[in-house]
Amino acid sequence: MIQEITLNSGVKVKIPTTFEYAKCRGCKASDIIWGITEKGKAIPVRFDDHEGWICHFEDCPKANEFRKEKKG
C-alpha cells in the first residue's frame, strides 16, 4: 500500500505504508525512507519531530556530493 505525505516544503511524496529504513551513503543517517515525487523522481525523506516530513537533502551535510549536473 502507498500513502501520500506532504513535506514541510509543500511537495507531495508517495511512500509505502510498510517500509524498511535506509541509511544515507553520505552522512550515515539511518532513518531515511525513499519516496516518489509527483514527477516520478526518487527522493529521500525523513520525519523530524520539530519540522515534520522533510527531504533529507535539506539537512544532510553531504547533500552536494549527490547533486547531478543539469543537462542543457
N, C-alpha and C. Protein backbone atom coordinates (compact mmCIF):
# COMPACT_ATOMS: atom_id res chain seq x y z
N MET A 1 0.85 -1.18 0.00
CA MET A 1 0.00 0.00 0.00
C MET A 1 0.90 1.25 0.00
N ILE A 2 0.35 2.29 -0.55
CA ILE A 2 1.07 3.56 -0.67
C ILE A 2 0.29 4.64 0.07
N GLN A 3 1.02 5.52 0.72
CA GLN A 3 0.38 6.69 1.34
C GLN A 3 1.05 7.95 0.82
N GLU A 4 0.29 9.02 0.77
CA GLU A 4 0.84 10.29 0.31
C GLU A 4 1.10 11.18 1.52
N ILE A 5 2.29 11.74 1.57
CA ILE A 5 2.65 12.68 2.63
C ILE A 5 2.98 14.03 1.98
N THR A 6 2.93 15.07 2.76
CA THR A 6 3.32 16.39 2.28
C THR A 6 4.52 16.85 3.08
N LEU A 7 5.61 17.15 2.37
CA LEU A 7 6.82 17.63 3.05
C LEU A 7 6.58 19.04 3.57
N ASN A 8 7.43 19.49 4.47
CA ASN A 8 7.29 20.84 5.03
C ASN A 8 7.42 21.92 3.96
N SER A 9 7.97 21.57 2.81
CA SER A 9 8.11 22.50 1.69
C SER A 9 6.85 22.55 0.82
N GLY A 10 5.89 21.66 1.10
CA GLY A 10 4.66 21.62 0.33
C GLY A 10 4.64 20.56 -0.76
N VAL A 11 5.77 19.92 -1.01
CA VAL A 11 5.86 18.88 -2.05
C VAL A 11 5.14 17.62 -1.57
N LYS A 12 4.34 17.02 -2.45
CA LYS A 12 3.66 15.77 -2.13
C LYS A 12 4.52 14.60 -2.57
N VAL A 13 4.65 13.62 -1.70
CA VAL A 13 5.50 12.45 -1.94
C VAL A 13 4.73 11.20 -1.55
N LYS A 14 4.89 10.16 -2.36
CA LYS A 14 4.27 8.87 -2.03
C LYS A 14 5.32 7.97 -1.40
N ILE A 15 4.94 7.37 -0.26
CA ILE A 15 5.82 6.42 0.42
C ILE A 15 5.02 5.16 0.72
N PRO A 16 5.69 4.02 0.81
CA PRO A 16 4.96 2.79 1.15
C PRO A 16 4.48 2.85 2.61
N THR A 17 3.34 2.23 2.89
CA THR A 17 2.83 2.21 4.26
C THR A 17 3.69 1.32 5.16
N THR A 18 4.31 0.30 4.57
CA THR A 18 5.28 -0.51 5.32
C THR A 18 6.61 -0.39 4.59
N PHE A 19 7.66 -0.16 5.33
CA PHE A 19 8.96 0.11 4.72
C PHE A 19 10.07 -0.28 5.68
N GLU A 20 11.26 -0.38 5.14
CA GLU A 20 12.46 -0.53 5.95
C GLU A 20 13.25 0.76 5.81
N TYR A 21 13.79 1.23 6.91
CA TYR A 21 14.59 2.44 6.84
C TYR A 21 15.87 2.18 6.06
N ALA A 22 16.31 3.19 5.33
CA ALA A 22 17.56 3.12 4.58
C ALA A 22 18.59 4.00 5.29
N LYS A 23 19.86 3.78 4.96
CA LYS A 23 20.94 4.57 5.53
C LYS A 23 21.50 5.50 4.46
N CYS A 24 21.70 6.76 4.80
CA CYS A 24 22.29 7.72 3.87
C CYS A 24 23.75 7.34 3.61
N ARG A 25 24.14 7.29 2.33
CA ARG A 25 25.52 6.96 2.00
C ARG A 25 26.48 8.09 2.36
N GLY A 26 25.96 9.31 2.52
CA GLY A 26 26.81 10.45 2.83
C GLY A 26 27.04 10.62 4.32
N CYS A 27 25.96 10.90 5.07
CA CYS A 27 26.11 11.24 6.49
C CYS A 27 25.81 10.07 7.42
N LYS A 28 25.37 8.95 6.84
CA LYS A 28 25.08 7.72 7.59
C LYS A 28 23.82 7.79 8.44
N ALA A 29 22.96 8.82 8.23
CA ALA A 29 21.67 8.86 8.93
C ALA A 29 20.93 7.57 8.60
N SER A 30 20.30 6.96 9.59
CA SER A 30 19.69 5.65 9.37
C SER A 30 18.16 5.69 9.41
N ASP A 31 17.56 6.87 9.26
CA ASP A 31 16.11 6.98 9.32
C ASP A 31 15.51 7.51 8.02
N ILE A 32 16.08 7.09 6.90
CA ILE A 32 15.68 7.57 5.59
C ILE A 32 14.61 6.64 4.99
N ILE A 33 13.60 7.23 4.41
CA ILE A 33 12.57 6.49 3.67
C ILE A 33 12.62 7.02 2.24
N TRP A 34 12.65 6.11 1.27
CA TRP A 34 12.65 6.53 -0.13
C TRP A 34 11.22 6.69 -0.60
N GLY A 35 10.92 7.88 -1.12
CA GLY A 35 9.60 8.17 -1.66
C GLY A 35 9.69 8.52 -3.13
N ILE A 36 8.53 8.76 -3.73
CA ILE A 36 8.44 9.12 -5.14
C ILE A 36 7.65 10.43 -5.25
N THR A 37 8.23 11.41 -5.94
CA THR A 37 7.55 12.70 -6.14
C THR A 37 6.46 12.56 -7.20
N GLU A 38 5.67 13.63 -7.35
CA GLU A 38 4.62 13.63 -8.36
C GLU A 38 5.20 13.51 -9.77
N LYS A 39 6.47 13.88 -9.95
CA LYS A 39 7.13 13.78 -11.26
C LYS A 39 7.82 12.42 -11.45
N GLY A 40 7.67 11.52 -10.47
CA GLY A 40 8.23 10.18 -10.60
C GLY A 40 9.68 10.04 -10.18
N LYS A 41 10.23 11.04 -9.52
CA LYS A 41 11.63 11.01 -9.07
C LYS A 41 11.73 10.44 -7.66
N ALA A 42 12.76 9.64 -7.42
CA ALA A 42 13.02 9.10 -6.08
C ALA A 42 13.58 10.22 -5.21
N ILE A 43 13.14 10.27 -3.97
CA ILE A 43 13.56 11.33 -3.06
C ILE A 43 13.71 10.75 -1.65
N PRO A 44 14.82 11.06 -0.96
CA PRO A 44 14.99 10.58 0.41
C PRO A 44 14.27 11.51 1.38
N VAL A 45 13.38 10.95 2.19
CA VAL A 45 12.64 11.76 3.15
C VAL A 45 12.83 11.19 4.55
N ARG A 46 12.59 12.02 5.52
CA ARG A 46 12.64 11.57 6.92
C ARG A 46 11.70 12.42 7.73
N PHE A 47 11.31 11.93 8.90
CA PHE A 47 10.42 12.68 9.78
C PHE A 47 11.24 13.33 10.88
N ASP A 48 11.08 14.63 11.02
CA ASP A 48 11.75 15.39 12.07
C ASP A 48 10.69 15.81 13.08
N ASP A 49 10.95 15.58 14.36
CA ASP A 49 9.97 15.90 15.40
C ASP A 49 9.57 17.37 15.42
N HIS A 50 10.45 18.25 14.99
CA HIS A 50 10.16 19.69 15.04
C HIS A 50 9.63 20.24 13.72
N GLU A 51 10.08 19.66 12.60
CA GLU A 51 9.71 20.19 11.29
C GLU A 51 8.73 19.33 10.51
N GLY A 52 8.44 18.13 10.97
CA GLY A 52 7.57 17.22 10.23
C GLY A 52 8.35 16.50 9.15
N TRP A 53 7.69 16.15 8.06
CA TRP A 53 8.35 15.45 6.96
C TRP A 53 9.23 16.41 6.19
N ILE A 54 10.49 16.03 5.98
CA ILE A 54 11.43 16.86 5.23
C ILE A 54 12.19 16.00 4.22
N CYS A 55 12.66 16.64 3.17
CA CYS A 55 13.55 15.99 2.23
C CYS A 55 14.92 15.91 2.92
N HIS A 56 15.54 14.75 2.91
CA HIS A 56 16.82 14.60 3.60
C HIS A 56 17.90 15.49 2.99
N PHE A 57 17.75 15.89 1.72
CA PHE A 57 18.73 16.78 1.12
C PHE A 57 18.78 18.13 1.85
N GLU A 58 17.71 18.48 2.57
CA GLU A 58 17.69 19.75 3.31
C GLU A 58 18.61 19.74 4.52
N ASP A 59 18.78 18.58 5.15
CA ASP A 59 19.57 18.56 6.38
C ASP A 59 20.82 17.67 6.32
N CYS A 60 21.08 17.06 5.16
CA CYS A 60 22.26 16.21 5.03
C CYS A 60 23.49 17.09 4.79
N PRO A 61 24.51 16.99 5.62
CA PRO A 61 25.71 17.79 5.42
C PRO A 61 26.50 17.40 4.16
N LYS A 62 26.19 16.27 3.58
CA LYS A 62 26.90 15.80 2.39
C LYS A 62 26.02 15.83 1.14
N ALA A 63 24.92 16.57 1.17
CA ALA A 63 23.96 16.58 0.06
C ALA A 63 24.60 16.98 -1.27
N ASN A 64 25.55 17.89 -1.25
CA ASN A 64 26.18 18.34 -2.50
C ASN A 64 26.90 17.23 -3.24
N GLU A 65 27.32 16.19 -2.52
CA GLU A 65 28.01 15.07 -3.15
C GLU A 65 27.08 14.28 -4.07
N PHE A 66 25.77 14.43 -3.90
CA PHE A 66 24.81 13.66 -4.67
C PHE A 66 24.13 14.47 -5.77
N ARG A 67 24.45 15.74 -5.89
CA ARG A 67 23.82 16.57 -6.91
C ARG A 67 24.35 16.20 -8.29
N LYS A 68 23.45 16.16 -9.24
CA LYS A 68 23.82 15.86 -10.62
C LYS A 68 23.88 17.17 -11.40
N GLU A 69 24.77 17.22 -12.37
CA GLU A 69 24.84 18.41 -13.22
C GLU A 69 23.59 18.49 -14.07
N LYS A 70 23.09 19.70 -14.27
CA LYS A 70 21.91 19.89 -15.10
C LYS A 70 22.29 19.72 -16.55
N LYS A 71 21.45 19.02 -17.29
CA LYS A 71 21.67 18.83 -18.72
C LYS A 71 21.13 20.05 -19.45
N GLY A 72 21.81 20.43 -20.49
CA GLY A 72 21.24 21.54 -21.22
C GLY A 72 22.26 22.27 -21.94
